[in-house]
Amino acid sequence: MSFSSKKYASKIIDGKKIATQIQAEIKYDIQRWLARGNRGPHLSVLLVGDNPASAVYVSNKLKAAKQTGEYNQWLASQIASIGTK
């Protein structure tokens, strides 16, 4: 078996530009959906614990949802560890 070495063309993409385009499409679809009398999409997040990375992740998801016109809410919760003695 022989493998030939092929050169593949690479292409640099603009991730932020693509994300903005996708968000615009989602926003348009949501506006059309609402115009037909439907309920809007809803994103609720329950964050358990105090992991800062999780908080940033959730914050970014809620920000993206807000930009597309989705209603969202963040429910933060601290759940204490219950151990047996």
PDB file of N, CA and C in Angstrom:
ATOM      1  N   MET A   1       0.846  -1.164   0.000  1.00  0.00           N
ATOM      2  CA  MET A   1       0.000   0.000   0.000  1.00  0.00           C
ATOM      3  C   MET A   1       0.894   1.229   0.000  1.00  0.00           C
ATOM      4  N   SER A   2       0.568   2.127  -0.839  1.00  0.00           N
ATOM      5  CA  SER A   2       1.364   3.339  -0.970  1.00  0.00           C
ATOM      6  C   SER A   2       0.498   4.563  -0.674  1.00  0.00           C
ATOM      7  N   PHE A   3       1.045   5.464   0.081  1.00  0.00           N
ATOM      8  CA  PHE A   3       0.342   6.711   0.392  1.00  0.00           C
ATOM      9  C   PHE A   3       0.994   7.839  -0.390  1.00  0.00           C
ATOM     10  N   SER A   4       0.188   8.544  -1.103  1.00  0.00           N
ATOM     11  CA  SER A   4       0.754   9.673  -1.845  1.00  0.00           C
ATOM     12  C   SER A   4       0.636  10.916  -0.980  1.00  0.00           C
ATOM     13  N   SER A   5       1.608  11.756  -1.108  1.00  0.00           N
ATOM     14  CA  SER A   5       1.551  13.004  -0.338  1.00  0.00           C
ATOM     15  C   SER A   5       0.848  14.056  -1.182  1.00  0.00           C
ATOM     16  N   LYS A   6      -0.279  14.458  -0.705  1.00  0.00           N
ATOM     17  CA  LYS A   6      -1.043  15.494  -1.388  1.00  0.00           C
ATOM     18  C   LYS A   6      -0.998  16.752  -0.552  1.00  0.00           C
ATOM     19  N   LYS A   7      -0.954  17.852  -1.246  1.00  0.00           N
ATOM     20  CA  LYS A   7      -1.013  19.116  -0.536  1.00  0.00           C
ATOM     21  C   LYS A   7      -2.462  19.562  -0.498  1.00  0.00           C
ATOM     22  N   TYR A   8      -2.903  19.912   0.673  1.00  0.00           N
ATOM     23  CA  TYR A   8      -4.256  20.392   0.839  1.00  0.00           C
ATOM     24  C   TYR A   8      -4.219  21.894   1.053  1.00  0.00           C
ATOM     25  N   ALA A   9      -5.131  22.555   0.389  1.00  0.00           N
ATOM     26  CA  ALA A   9      -5.212  23.998   0.561  1.00  0.00           C
ATOM     27  C   ALA A   9      -5.903  24.290   1.885  1.00  0.00           C
ATOM     28  N   SER A  10      -5.319  25.180   2.628  1.00  0.00           N
ATOM     29  CA  SER A  10      -5.950  25.561   3.889  1.00  0.00           C
ATOM     30  C   SER A  10      -6.603  26.928   3.716  1.00  0.00           C
ATOM     31  N   LYS A  11      -7.581  27.148   4.533  1.00  0.00           N
ATOM     32  CA  LYS A  11      -8.314  28.399   4.442  1.00  0.00           C
ATOM     33  C   LYS A  11      -8.518  28.932   5.853  1.00  0.00           C
ATOM     34  N   ILE A  12      -8.128  30.154   6.050  1.00  0.00           N
ATOM     35  CA  ILE A  12      -8.332  30.783   7.347  1.00  0.00           C
ATOM     36  C   ILE A  12      -9.748  31.352   7.375  1.00  0.00           C
ATOM     37  N   ILE A  13     -10.487  30.990   8.419  1.00  0.00           N
ATOM     38  CA  ILE A  13     -11.857  31.477   8.535  1.00  0.00           C
ATOM     39  C   ILE A  13     -11.955  32.491   9.672  1.00  0.00           C
ATOM     40  N   ASP A  14     -12.958  33.331   9.584  1.00  0.00           N
ATOM     41  CA  ASP A  14     -13.213  34.323  10.617  1.00  0.00           C
ATOM     42  C   ASP A  14     -14.373  33.806  11.471  1.00  0.00           C
ATOM     43  N   GLY A  15     -14.040  33.184  12.580  1.00  0.00           N
ATOM     44  CA  GLY A  15     -15.041  32.569  13.443  1.00  0.00           C
ATOM     45  C   GLY A  15     -16.067  33.550  13.980  1.00  0.00           C
ATOM     46  N   LYS A  16     -15.627  34.748  14.348  1.00  0.00           N
ATOM     47  CA  LYS A  16     -16.562  35.746  14.871  1.00  0.00           C
ATOM     48  C   LYS A  16     -17.539  36.188  13.792  1.00  0.00           C
ATOM     49  N   LYS A  17     -17.061  36.324  12.576  1.00  0.00           N
ATOM     50  CA  LYS A  17     -17.933  36.723  11.465  1.00  0.00           C
ATOM     51  C   LYS A  17     -18.978  35.641  11.195  1.00  0.00           C
ATOM     52  N   ILE A  18     -18.541  34.402  11.192  1.00  0.00           N
ATOM     53  CA  ILE A  18     -19.458  33.289  10.958  1.00  0.00           C
ATOM     54  C   ILE A  18     -20.489  33.217  12.084  1.00  0.00           C
ATOM     55  N   ALA A  19     -20.039  33.381  13.337  1.00  0.00           N
ATOM     56  CA  ALA A  19     -20.961  33.341  14.476  1.00  0.00           C
ATOM     57  C   ALA A  19     -21.994  34.458  14.373  1.00  0.00           C
ATOM     58  N   THR A  20     -21.563  35.645  13.957  1.00  0.00           N
ATOM     59  CA  THR A  20     -22.478  36.768  13.800  1.00  0.00           C
ATOM     60  C   THR A  20     -23.520  36.478  12.727  1.00  0.00           C
ATOM     61  N   GLN A  21     -23.090  35.865  11.641  1.00  0.00           N
ATOM     62  CA  GLN A  21     -24.025  35.509  10.568  1.00  0.00           C
ATOM     63  C   GLN A  21     -25.047  34.472  11.053  1.00  0.00           C
ATOM     64  N   ILE A  22     -24.578  33.490  11.791  1.00  0.00           N
ATOM     65  CA  ILE A  22     -25.484  32.463  12.311  1.00  0.00           C
ATOM     66  C   ILE A  22     -26.480  33.083  13.283  1.00  0.00           C
ATOM     67  N   GLN A  23     -26.007  33.968  14.165  1.00  0.00           N
ATOM     68  CA  GLN A  23     -26.901  34.623  15.114  1.00  0.00           C
ATOM     69  C   GLN A  23     -27.944  35.476  14.399  1.00  0.00           C
ATOM     70  N   ALA A  24     -27.555  36.134  13.325  1.00  0.00           N
ATOM     71  CA  ALA A  24     -28.505  36.940  12.551  1.00  0.00           C
ATOM     72  C   ALA A  24     -29.581  36.048  11.933  1.00  0.00           C
ATOM     73  N   GLU A  25     -29.187  34.890  11.434  1.00  0.00           N
ATOM     74  CA  GLU A  25     -30.150  33.948  10.858  1.00  0.00           C
ATOM     75  C   GLU A  25     -31.120  33.446  11.933  1.00  0.00           C
ATOM     76  N   ILE A  26     -30.589  33.140  13.109  1.00  0.00           N
ATOM     77  CA  ILE A  26     -31.436  32.668  14.205  1.00  0.00           C
ATOM     78  C   ILE A  26     -32.407  33.764  14.629  1.00  0.00           C
ATOM     79  N   LYS A  27     -31.899  34.986  14.741  1.00  0.00           N
ATOM     80  CA  LYS A  27     -32.753  36.113  15.131  1.00  0.00           C
ATOM     81  C   LYS A  27     -33.889  36.301  14.116  1.00  0.00           C
ATOM     82  N   TYR A  28     -33.568  36.213  12.844  1.00  0.00           N
ATOM     83  CA  TYR A  28     -34.577  36.339  11.785  1.00  0.00           C
ATOM     84  C   TYR A  28     -35.626  35.234  11.906  1.00  0.00           C
ATOM     85  N   ASP A  29     -35.164  34.005  12.117  1.00  0.00           N
ATOM     86  CA  ASP A  29     -36.088  32.879  12.261  1.00  0.00           C
ATOM     87  C   ASP A  29     -36.994  33.055  13.480  1.00  0.00           C
ATOM     88  N   ILE A  30     -36.441  33.541  14.580  1.00  0.00           N
ATOM     89  CA  ILE A  30     -37.235  33.774  15.788  1.00  0.00           C
ATOM     90  C   ILE A  30     -38.282  34.858  15.531  1.00  0.00           C
ATOM     91  N   GLN A  31     -37.887  35.930  14.854  1.00  0.00           N
ATOM     92  CA  GLN A  31     -38.840  37.008  14.556  1.00  0.00           C
ATOM     93  C   GLN A  31     -39.989  36.487  13.695  1.00  0.00           C
ATOM     94  N   ARG A  32     -39.688  35.671  12.709  1.00  0.00           N
ATOM     95  CA  ARG A  32     -40.735  35.082  11.868  1.00  0.00           C
ATOM     96  C   ARG A  32     -41.645  34.171  12.687  1.00  0.00           C
ATOM     97  N   TRP A  33     -41.048  33.384  13.562  1.00  0.00           N
ATOM     98  CA  TRP A  33     -41.796  32.467  14.414  1.00  0.00           C
ATOM     99  C   TRP A  33     -42.764  33.248  15.312  1.00  0.00           C
ATOM    100  N   LEU A  34     -42.267  34.324  15.923  1.00  0.00           N
ATOM    101  CA  LEU A  34     -43.097  35.137  16.808  1.00  0.00           C
ATOM    102  C   LEU A  34     -44.200  35.861  16.035  1.00  0.00           C
ATOM    103  N   ALA A  35     -43.890  36.288  14.826  1.00  0.00           N
ATOM    104  CA  ALA A  35     -44.868  36.997  14.005  1.00  0.00           C
ATOM    105  C   ALA A  35     -46.068  36.104  13.675  1.00  0.00           C
ATOM    106  N   ARG A  36     -45.862  34.803  13.707  1.00  0.00           N
ATOM    107  CA  ARG A  36     -46.958  33.860  13.441  1.00  0.00           C
ATOM    108  C   ARG A  36     -47.763  33.541  14.703  1.00  0.00           C
ATOM    109  N   GLY A  37     -47.437  34.235  15.787  1.00  0.00           N
ATOM    110  CA  GLY A  37     -48.190  34.054  17.024  1.00  0.00           C
ATOM    111  C   GLY A  37     -47.694  32.952  17.933  1.00  0.00           C
ATOM    112  N   ASN A  38     -46.539  32.422  17.654  1.00  0.00           N
ATOM    113  CA  ASN A  38     -45.976  31.352  18.480  1.00  0.00           C
ATOM    114  C   ASN A  38     -45.251  31.928  19.691  1.00  0.00           C
ATOM    115  N   ARG A  39     -45.111  31.088  20.723  1.00  0.00           N
ATOM    116  CA  ARG A  39     -44.321  31.482  21.886  1.00  0.00           C
ATOM    117  C   ARG A  39     -42.849  31.512  21.513  1.00  0.00           C
ATOM    118  N   GLY A  40     -42.137  32.427  22.100  1.00  0.00           N
ATOM    119  CA  GLY A  40     -40.708  32.541  21.824  1.00  0.00           C
ATOM    120  C   GLY A  40     -39.891  31.481  22.527  1.00  0.00           C
ATOM    121  N   PRO A  41     -38.712  31.232  22.011  1.00  0.00           N
ATOM    122  CA  PRO A  41     -37.818  30.273  22.658  1.00  0.00           C
ATOM    123  C   PRO A  41     -37.372  30.796  24.017  1.00  0.00           C
ATOM    124  N   HIS A  42     -37.040  29.896  24.891  1.00  0.00           N
ATOM    125  CA  HIS A  42     -36.687  30.254  26.257  1.00  0.00           C
ATOM    126  C   HIS A  42     -35.492  29.407  26.693  1.00  0.00           C
ATOM    127  N   LEU A  43     -34.515  30.056  27.271  1.00  0.00           N
ATOM    128  CA  LEU A  43     -33.347  29.349  27.790  1.00  0.00           C
ATOM    129  C   LEU A  43     -33.245  29.634  29.280  1.00  0.00           C
ATOM    130  N   SER A  44     -33.320  28.597  30.085  1.00  0.00           N
ATOM    131  CA  SER A  44     -33.119  28.715  31.530  1.00  0.00           C
ATOM    132  C   SER A  44     -31.898  27.898  31.899  1.00  0.00           C
ATOM    133  N   VAL A  45     -31.120  28.431  32.805  1.00  0.00           N
ATOM    134  CA  VAL A  45     -29.901  27.746  33.228  1.00  0.00           C
ATOM    135  C   VAL A  45     -29.879  27.700  34.748  1.00  0.00           C
ATOM    136  N   LEU A  46     -29.633  26.541  35.279  1.00  0.00           N
ATOM    137  CA  LEU A  46     -29.444  26.374  36.711  1.00  0.00           C
ATOM    138  C   LEU A  46     -27.984  26.011  36.922  1.00  0.00           C
ATOM    139  N   LEU A  47     -27.264  26.923  37.502  1.00  0.00           N
ATOM    140  CA  LEU A  47     -25.837  26.717  37.738  1.00  0.00           C
ATOM    141  C   LEU A  47     -25.653  26.240  39.170  1.00  0.00           C
ATOM    142  N   VAL A  48     -25.127  25.051  39.310  1.00  0.00           N
ATOM    143  CA  VAL A  48     -24.918  24.464  40.634  1.00  0.00           C
ATOM    144  C   VAL A  48     -23.440  24.530  40.953  1.00  0.00           C
ATOM    145  N   GLY A  49     -23.122  25.090  42.091  1.00  0.00           N
ATOM    146  CA  GLY A  49     -21.734  25.202  42.505  1.00  0.00           C
ATOM    147  C   GLY A  49     -21.176  26.575  42.193  1.00  0.00           C
ATOM    148  N   ASP A  50     -19.891  26.717  42.388  1.00  0.00           N
ATOM    149  CA  ASP A  50     -19.267  28.026  42.204  1.00  0.00           C
ATOM    150  C   ASP A  50     -18.020  27.956  41.325  1.00  0.00           C
ATOM    151  N   ASN A  51     -18.057  27.134  40.307  1.00  0.00           N
ATOM    152  CA  ASN A  51     -16.933  27.024  39.389  1.00  0.00           C
ATOM    153  C   ASN A  51     -16.911  28.259  38.486  1.00  0.00           C
ATOM    154  N   PRO A  52     -15.870  29.095  38.568  1.00  0.00           N
ATOM    155  CA  PRO A  52     -15.812  30.319  37.770  1.00  0.00           C
ATOM    156  C   PRO A  52     -15.866  30.067  36.260  1.00  0.00           C
ATOM    157  N   ALA A  53     -15.269  28.982  35.806  1.00  0.00           N
ATOM    158  CA  ALA A  53     -15.290  28.668  34.369  1.00  0.00           C
ATOM    159  C   ALA A  53     -16.712  28.366  33.914  1.00  0.00           C
ATOM    160  N   SER A  54     -17.469  27.663  34.741  1.00  0.00           N
ATOM    161  CA  SER A  54     -18.868  27.367  34.413  1.00  0.00           C
ATOM    162  C   SER A  54     -19.688  28.645  34.356  1.00  0.00           C
ATOM    163  N   ALA A  55     -19.421  29.560  35.283  1.00  0.00           N
ATOM    164  CA  ALA A  55     -20.144  30.833  35.312  1.00  0.00           C
ATOM    165  C   ALA A  55     -19.880  31.634  34.033  1.00  0.00           C
ATOM    166  N   VAL A  56     -18.653  31.639  33.570  1.00  0.00           N
ATOM    167  CA  VAL A  56     -18.312  32.344  32.331  1.00  0.00           C
ATOM    168  C   VAL A  56     -18.998  31.682  31.145  1.00  0.00           C
ATOM    169  N   TYR A  57     -18.975  30.360  31.097  1.00  0.00           N
ATOM    170  CA  TYR A  57     -19.612  29.613  30.015  1.00  0.00           C
ATOM    171  C   TYR A  57     -21.106  29.940  29.950  1.00  0.00           C
ATOM    172  N   VAL A  58     -21.770  29.872  31.109  1.00  0.00           N
ATOM    173  CA  VAL A  58     -23.204  30.150  31.166  1.00  0.00           C
ATOM    174  C   VAL A  58     -23.471  31.599  30.763  1.00  0.00           C
ATOM    175  N   SER A  59     -22.672  32.514  31.249  1.00  0.00           N
ATOM    176  CA  SER A  59     -22.836  33.926  30.919  1.00  0.00           C
ATOM    177  C   SER A  59     -22.749  34.156  29.408  1.00  0.00           C
ATOM    178  N   ASN A  60     -21.806  33.495  28.761  1.00  0.00           N
ATOM    179  CA  ASN A  60     -21.652  33.628  27.311  1.00  0.00           C
ATOM    180  C   ASN A  60     -22.852  33.047  26.558  1.00  0.00           C
ATOM    181  N   LYS A  61     -23.385  31.929  27.037  1.00  0.00           N
ATOM    182  CA  LYS A  61     -24.563  31.320  26.393  1.00  0.00           C
ATOM    183  C   LYS A  61     -25.774  32.241  26.527  1.00  0.00           C
ATOM    184  N   LEU A  62     -25.956  32.832  27.708  1.00  0.00           N
ATOM    185  CA  LEU A  62     -27.086  33.734  27.916  1.00  0.00           C
ATOM    186  C   LEU A  62     -26.944  35.005  27.073  1.00  0.00           C
ATOM    187  N   LYS A  63     -25.734  35.487  26.956  1.00  0.00           N
ATOM    188  CA  LYS A  63     -25.480  36.677  26.124  1.00  0.00           C
ATOM    189  C   LYS A  63     -25.825  36.380  24.666  1.00  0.00           C
ATOM    190  N   ALA A  64     -25.408  35.233  24.178  1.00  0.00           N
ATOM    191  CA  ALA A  64     -25.707  34.844  22.791  1.00  0.00           C
ATOM    192  C   ALA A  64     -27.210  34.696  22.594  1.00  0.00           C
ATOM    193  N   ALA A  65     -27.894  34.105  23.574  1.00  0.00           N
ATOM    194  CA  ALA A  65     -29.345  33.930  23.473  1.00  0.00           C
ATOM    195  C   ALA A  65     -30.045  35.287  23.436  1.00  0.00           C
ATOM    196  N   LYS A  66     -29.575  36.204  24.256  1.00  0.00           N
ATOM    197  CA  LYS A  66     -30.177  37.540  24.296  1.00  0.00           C
ATOM    198  C   LYS A  66     -30.008  38.257  22.958  1.00  0.00           C
ATOM    199  N   GLN A  67     -28.873  38.090  22.325  1.00  0.00           N
ATOM    200  CA  GLN A  67     -28.608  38.743  21.039  1.00  0.00           C
ATOM    201  C   GLN A  67     -29.497  38.208  19.933  1.00  0.00           C
ATOM    202  N   THR A  68     -29.988  36.989  20.088  1.00  0.00           N
ATOM    203  CA  THR A  68     -30.869  36.418  19.067  1.00  0.00           C
ATOM    204  C   THR A  68     -32.341  36.662  19.375  1.00  0.00           C
ATOM    205  N   GLY A  69     -32.611  37.263  20.534  1.00  0.00           N
ATOM    206  CA  GLY A  69     -33.993  37.575  20.874  1.00  0.00           C
ATOM    207  C   GLY A  69     -34.664  36.543  21.753  1.00  0.00           C
ATOM    208  N   GLU A  70     -33.898  35.611  22.270  1.00  0.00           N
ATOM    209  CA  GLU A  70     -34.471  34.600  23.156  1.00  0.00           C
ATOM    210  C   GLU A  70     -34.604  35.177  24.560  1.00  0.00           C
ATOM    211  N   TYR A  71     -35.693  34.812  25.224  1.00  0.00           N
ATOM    212  CA  TYR A  71     -35.831  35.145  26.632  1.00  0.00           C
ATOM    213  C   TYR A  71     -34.970  34.160  27.396  1.00  0.00           C
ATOM    214  N   ASN A  72     -34.266  34.642  28.400  1.00  0.00           N
ATOM    215  CA  ASN A  72     -33.452  33.727  29.177  1.00  0.00           C
ATOM    216  C   ASN A  72     -33.375  34.168  30.626  1.00  0.00           C
ATOM    217  N   GLN A  73     -33.010  33.248  31.466  1.00  0.00           N
ATOM    218  CA  GLN A  73     -32.814  33.555  32.871  1.00  0.00           C
ATOM    219  C   GLN A  73     -31.728  32.660  33.431  1.00  0.00           C
ATOM    220  N   TRP A  74     -31.074  33.174  34.435  1.00  0.00           N
ATOM    221  CA  TRP A  74     -29.984  32.445  35.069  1.00  0.00           C
ATOM    222  C   TRP A  74     -30.368  32.233  36.520  1.00  0.00           C
ATOM    223  N   LEU A  75     -30.459  30.995  36.904  1.00  0.00           N
ATOM    224  CA  LEU A  75     -30.791  30.652  38.274  1.00  0.00           C
ATOM    225  C   LEU A  75     -29.533  30.104  38.934  1.00  0.00           C
ATOM    226  N   ALA A  76     -28.964  30.878  39.840  1.00  0.00           N
ATOM    227  CA  ALA A  76     -27.744  30.439  40.515  1.00  0.00           C
ATOM    228  C   ALA A  76     -28.121  29.727  41.800  1.00  0.00           C
ATOM    229  N   SER A  77     -27.456  28.670  42.080  1.00  0.00           N
ATOM    230  CA  SER A  77     -27.778  27.900  43.271  1.00  0.00           C
ATOM    231  C   SER A  77     -26.506  27.400  43.933  1.00  0.00           C
ATOM    232  N   GLN A  78     -26.506  27.476  45.214  1.00  0.00           N
ATOM    233  CA  GLN A  78     -25.419  26.893  45.982  1.00  0.00           C
ATOM    234  C   GLN A  78     -26.000  25.690  46.713  1.00  0.00           C
ATOM    235  N   ILE A  79     -25.554  24.526  46.405  1.00  0.00           N
ATOM    236  CA  ILE A  79     -26.043  23.313  47.055  1.00  0.00           C
ATOM    237  C   ILE A  79     -24.936  22.811  47.986  1.00  0.00           C
ATOM    238  N   ALA A  80     -25.263  22.777  49.261  1.00  0.00           N
ATOM    239  CA  ALA A  80     -24.277  22.350  50.263  1.00  0.00           C
ATOM    240  C   ALA A  80     -24.097  20.840  50.197  1.00  0.00           C
ATOM    241  N   SER A  81     -22.904  20.423  50.448  1.00  0.00           N
ATOM    242  CA  SER A  81     -22.635  18.987  50.509  1.00  0.00           C
ATOM    243  C   SER A  81     -23.219  18.436  51.806  1.00  0.00           C
ATOM    244  N   ILE A  82     -23.916  17.358  51.679  1.00  0.00           N
ATOM    245  CA  ILE A  82     -24.488  16.713  52.857  1.00  0.00           C
ATOM    246  C   ILE A  82     -23.750  15.391  53.038  1.00  0.00           C
ATOM    247  N   GLY A  83     -23.050  15.322  54.125  1.00  0.00           N
ATOM    248  CA  GLY A  83     -22.276  14.112  54.373  1.00  0.00           C
ATOM    249  C   GLY A  83     -22.772  13.409  55.633  1.00  0.00           C
ATOM    250  N   THR A  84     -22.408  12.192  55.733  1.00  0.00           N
ATOM    251  CA  THR A  84     -22.760  11.446  56.943  1.00  0.00           C
ATOM    252  C   THR A  84     -21.561  11.439  57.864  1.00  0.00           C
ATOM    253  N   LYS A  85     -21.841  11.508  59.118  1.00  0.00           N
ATOM    254  CA  LYS A  85     -20.751  11.517  60.096  1.00  0.00           C
ATOM    255  C   LYS A  85     -20.625  10.191  60.753  1.00  0.00           C
TER     256      LYS A  85
END
